[in-house]
Amino acid sequence: MRKHKTGGLLALAAAFTVWMGMEAAAYPYGPGFEGYDVNIYSDTTPNNPAYNNGWNGGVGPGYAGSNPMGSREELDEQIYSKGPGSEAAQRLLKEDADSYYIHSTYRGGTWQKQEDGSWKLLKEDGQPVSSQWAYVDGKTYLLDMYGTMLTGFQKVNGNWYYMNSTGAMQTGWLLKEGRYYFLNTDGSMAYGWVNTQGSWYYFGVTDGVMLTNAYTPDGRYVNAEGILIQ
């Protein structure tokens, strides 16, 4: 299948080495790399959640316009309208409690590895970048309130993102635990219909997982590879 593009992630994961028991060490590029120069950017950059709201999909086959959330916002409103006691509402409340709200991006900086294996990005004055996106050498990272670089699925400003094993924000296809997701050009998770490389795919509104061998909510059928059958 054309979407099985995991080589880059595997290469990055292989390059990421943890030095246990060592003092914190500073590297200009970041997790998994040494000896790279840091590029400082002053213009608006692509694939950056703080600046780019691009989206790859549409309402669906045969329709016009765009719907970035795939009606996910409407679903959340419906769940909350029934009160906070339901299991779905409790799940959303927990997600909101664990969410980050970030509206700024730091550019450049120096990576420092901590004794516990985590990473922090330091400003010119030596203070860690915290509660911000970071844009370093063409990649976007996420730093929590303590300045620690985050990995895995993270919910920020109401959207889900995936930060890979070296902390870089991923876009496009994502295969995780046997399930396929699609991440928009700004890194946010796609819901509903998405058209990529000329084919339509449908991603569940509740979890963003690609449907296979199933009928979509609008009555269309997708095959074992998730592709719409006309």
Protein backbone atom coordinates (compact mmCIF):
# COMPACT_ATOMS: atom_id res chain seq x y z
CA MET A 1 0.00 0.00 0.00
CA ARG A 2 1.22 3.48 -0.74
CA LYS A 3 0.47 4.74 2.74
CA HIS A 4 2.84 2.31 4.52
CA LYS A 5 5.58 4.87 4.95
CA THR A 6 7.13 4.02 8.30
CA GLY A 7 10.78 3.92 7.23
CA GLY A 8 11.46 7.50 8.30
CA LEU A 9 10.01 6.89 11.76
CA LEU A 10 11.99 3.68 12.18
CA ALA A 11 15.19 5.42 11.15
CA LEU A 12 14.59 8.21 13.65
CA ALA A 13 13.74 5.73 16.37
CA ALA A 14 16.91 3.76 15.66
CA ALA A 15 18.96 6.95 15.89
CA PHE A 16 17.52 7.84 19.28
CA THR A 17 19.94 6.50 21.93
CA VAL A 18 19.50 6.86 25.67
CA TRP A 19 22.63 7.34 27.74
CA MET A 20 21.76 6.13 31.23
CA GLY A 21 23.59 7.48 34.24
CA MET A 22 25.24 10.38 32.40
CA GLU A 23 25.15 14.03 33.32
CA ALA A 24 22.84 16.30 31.33
CA ALA A 25 24.42 16.96 27.95
CA ALA A 26 23.59 19.73 25.46
CA TYR A 27 23.16 19.11 21.74
CA PRO A 28 22.32 21.79 19.18
CA TYR A 29 19.91 19.68 17.13
CA GLY A 30 18.06 17.58 19.64
CA PRO A 31 16.97 14.05 20.50
CA GLY A 32 18.83 11.40 18.54
CA PHE A 33 21.25 13.70 16.77
CA GLU A 34 24.55 15.45 17.43
CA GLY A 35 26.69 17.95 15.57
CA TYR A 36 23.89 19.77 13.71
CA ASP A 37 23.64 23.54 13.55
CA VAL A 38 20.47 25.23 14.76
CA ASN A 39 18.65 27.36 12.21
CA ILE A 40 16.80 30.37 13.62
CA TYR A 41 13.67 31.24 11.62
CA SER A 42 11.92 34.59 11.64
CA ASP A 43 9.23 34.00 9.02
CA THR A 44 6.01 32.02 9.07
CA THR A 45 6.83 28.37 8.58
CA PRO A 46 4.90 25.33 7.31
CA ASN A 47 3.76 22.39 9.44
CA ASN A 48 3.58 24.62 12.48
CA PRO A 49 0.38 24.47 14.57
CA ALA A 50 0.87 28.03 15.82
CA TYR A 51 0.80 29.43 12.28
CA ASN A 52 -0.64 26.90 9.81
CA ASN A 53 -4.29 25.83 9.74
CA GLY A 54 -4.13 23.87 6.50
CA TRP A 55 -6.22 20.77 5.95
CA ASN A 56 -6.03 18.00 3.37
CA GLY A 57 -9.59 16.74 3.20
CA GLY A 58 -13.11 17.76 2.23
CA VAL A 59 -16.67 17.15 3.38
CA GLY A 60 -16.63 13.92 1.42
CA PRO A 61 -16.89 12.32 -2.00
CA GLY A 62 -19.26 14.21 -4.29
CA TYR A 63 -19.45 17.26 -2.07
CA ALA A 64 -17.77 20.67 -2.10
CA GLY A 65 -16.27 22.75 0.67
CA SER A 66 -14.21 21.70 3.66
CA ASN A 67 -14.82 20.49 7.17
CA PRO A 68 -11.53 20.13 9.09
CA MET A 69 -13.07 18.53 12.16
CA GLY A 70 -15.24 16.07 10.25
CA SER A 71 -18.18 17.17 12.46
CA ARG A 72 -16.18 16.22 15.58
CA GLU A 73 -17.02 19.55 17.20
CA GLU A 74 -20.74 18.89 16.69
CA LEU A 75 -20.35 15.44 18.25
CA ASP A 76 -18.64 16.89 21.33
CA GLU A 77 -21.43 19.45 21.71
CA GLN A 78 -24.05 16.69 21.51
CA ILE A 79 -22.25 14.65 24.16
CA TYR A 80 -21.97 17.59 26.56
CA SER A 81 -25.59 18.62 25.95
CA LYS A 82 -26.74 15.35 27.56
CA GLY A 83 -25.01 16.22 30.82
CA PRO A 84 -21.63 15.40 32.42
CA GLY A 85 -22.65 12.03 33.85
CA SER A 86 -22.32 9.83 30.76
CA GLU A 87 -19.22 7.78 30.03
CA ALA A 88 -18.59 9.75 26.83
CA ALA A 89 -18.87 13.07 28.67
CA GLN A 90 -16.53 11.87 31.40
CA ARG A 91 -14.00 10.86 28.75
CA LEU A 92 -14.16 14.29 27.12
CA LEU A 93 -13.87 16.02 30.49
CA LYS A 94 -10.74 14.00 31.29
CA GLU A 95 -9.29 14.80 27.85
CA ASP A 96 -9.95 18.51 28.42
CA ALA A 97 -8.32 18.33 31.86
CA ASP A 98 -5.21 16.73 30.34
CA SER A 99 -5.09 19.11 27.36
CA TYR A 100 -2.52 21.79 26.69
CA TYR A 101 -3.44 25.30 25.57
CA ILE A 102 -0.57 26.80 23.66
CA HIS A 103 -0.57 29.76 21.28
CA SER A 104 3.08 30.64 20.76
CA THR A 105 6.16 29.13 19.15
CA TYR A 106 9.83 29.44 20.13
CA ARG A 107 12.34 29.22 17.29
CA GLY A 108 15.84 27.82 17.66
CA GLY A 109 17.43 26.99 21.00
CA THR A 110 19.79 24.31 22.30
CA TRP A 111 18.65 20.83 23.32
CA GLN A 112 19.74 19.45 26.68
CA LYS A 113 19.32 15.83 27.70
CA GLN A 114 18.34 15.26 31.32
CA GLU A 115 19.60 12.51 33.61
CA ASP A 116 16.23 10.72 33.37
CA GLY A 117 16.51 10.57 29.56
CA SER A 118 14.03 13.38 28.86
CA TRP A 119 14.89 16.46 26.80
CA LYS A 120 14.60 20.20 27.35
CA LEU A 121 15.14 23.06 24.92
CA LEU A 122 17.14 25.95 26.32
CA LYS A 123 16.87 29.62 25.38
CA GLU A 124 19.92 31.83 24.91
CA ASP A 125 19.78 32.78 28.60
CA GLY A 126 19.86 29.11 29.61
CA GLN A 127 16.22 28.96 30.74
CA PRO A 128 14.06 26.11 29.37
CA VAL A 129 11.37 26.75 26.80
CA SER A 130 8.07 25.84 28.48
CA SER A 131 4.38 25.68 27.52
CA GLN A 132 5.19 26.40 23.88
CA TRP A 133 5.58 24.82 20.50
CA ALA A 134 9.21 24.84 19.38
CA TYR A 135 10.44 25.05 15.81
CA VAL A 136 13.98 23.73 15.45
CA ASP A 137 15.71 22.87 12.16
CA GLY A 138 12.47 22.46 10.25
CA LYS A 139 10.67 20.30 12.84
CA THR A 140 7.97 21.19 15.36
CA TYR A 141 8.16 20.03 18.98
CA LEU A 142 5.92 20.41 22.04
CA LEU A 143 7.25 21.46 25.47
CA ASP A 144 5.13 21.14 28.62
CA MET A 145 4.93 23.57 31.53
CA TYR A 146 8.14 22.14 33.00
CA GLY A 147 10.02 22.48 29.72
CA THR A 148 10.02 18.74 29.03
CA MET A 149 9.73 17.61 25.41
CA LEU A 150 6.60 15.51 24.89
CA THR A 151 6.11 12.40 22.72
CA GLY A 152 3.12 10.31 21.65
CA PHE A 153 -0.47 11.53 21.27
CA GLN A 154 -1.03 14.96 22.79
CA LYS A 155 -4.19 17.09 22.83
CA VAL A 156 -3.49 20.77 22.28
CA ASN A 157 -6.06 23.54 21.85
CA GLY A 158 -8.78 20.96 21.28
CA ASN A 159 -6.91 18.97 18.59
CA TRP A 160 -4.95 15.73 18.80
CA TYR A 161 -1.34 15.64 17.55
CA TYR A 162 1.28 12.91 17.42
CA MET A 163 4.86 13.62 18.43
CA ASN A 164 7.12 10.77 17.32
CA SER A 165 9.84 8.99 19.32
CA THR A 166 12.27 11.90 18.88
CA GLY A 167 9.60 14.47 19.73
CA ALA A 168 9.00 15.79 16.20
CA MET A 169 5.39 16.44 15.19
CA GLN A 170 4.19 14.02 12.51
CA THR A 171 1.98 14.77 9.53
CA GLY A 172 0.36 12.48 6.97
CA TRP A 173 -0.21 8.77 7.59
CA LEU A 174 0.37 7.30 11.03
CA LEU A 175 0.32 3.56 11.83
CA LYS A 176 0.02 3.02 15.57
CA GLU A 177 -0.76 -0.30 17.26
CA GLY A 178 -2.24 -1.68 14.05
CA ARG A 179 -4.51 1.31 13.43
CA TYR A 180 -4.17 4.00 10.77
CA TYR A 181 -4.66 7.70 11.43
CA PHE A 182 -4.19 10.73 9.20
CA LEU A 183 -2.59 13.92 10.45
CA ASN A 184 -3.30 17.16 8.60
CA THR A 185 -0.67 19.55 7.28
CA ASP A 186 -0.68 21.39 10.61
CA GLY A 187 -0.33 18.09 12.50
CA SER A 188 -3.91 17.92 13.81
CA MET A 189 -5.73 14.60 13.58
CA ALA A 190 -8.20 14.25 10.69
CA TYR A 191 -11.78 13.06 11.11
CA GLY A 192 -14.37 12.09 8.53
CA TRP A 193 -13.50 11.92 4.82
CA VAL A 194 -9.95 12.62 3.66
CA ASN A 195 -8.71 12.58 0.07
CA THR A 196 -5.02 11.81 -0.33
CA GLN A 197 -3.10 10.65 -3.43
CA GLY A 198 -6.38 10.52 -5.34
CA SER A 199 -8.24 8.13 -3.02
CA TRP A 200 -10.90 8.75 -0.37
CA TYR A 201 -10.57 7.34 3.16
CA TYR A 202 -12.86 7.67 6.16
CA PHE A 203 -11.62 8.27 9.72
CA GLY A 204 -13.91 7.74 12.70
CA VAL A 205 -15.25 10.94 14.22
CA THR A 206 -14.84 9.65 17.76
CA ASP A 207 -11.27 8.33 17.56
CA GLY A 208 -9.72 9.25 14.18
CA VAL A 209 -9.14 5.58 13.26
CA MET A 210 -9.39 4.67 9.56
CA LEU A 211 -12.32 2.42 8.70
CA THR A 212 -11.71 -0.78 6.71
CA ASN A 213 -14.12 -3.32 5.23
CA ALA A 214 -17.03 -1.27 6.52
CA TYR A 215 -19.84 1.08 5.60
CA THR A 216 -19.27 4.72 6.51
CA PRO A 217 -21.96 6.75 8.31
CA ASP A 218 -23.14 8.17 4.97
CA GLY A 219 -23.66 4.67 3.53
CA ARG A 220 -20.52 4.31 1.40
CA TYR A 221 -18.21 1.29 1.52
CA VAL A 222 -14.43 1.24 2.07
CA ASN A 223 -12.31 -1.83 1.31
CA ALA A 224 -9.61 -3.65 3.30
CA GLU A 225 -7.15 -0.84 2.58
CA GLY A 226 -9.63 1.81 3.65
CA ILE A 227 -10.18 3.07 0.08
CA LEU A 228 -13.66 4.14 -0.98
CA ILE A 229 -15.27 1.76 -3.47
CA GLN A 230 -17.16 3.79 -6.09
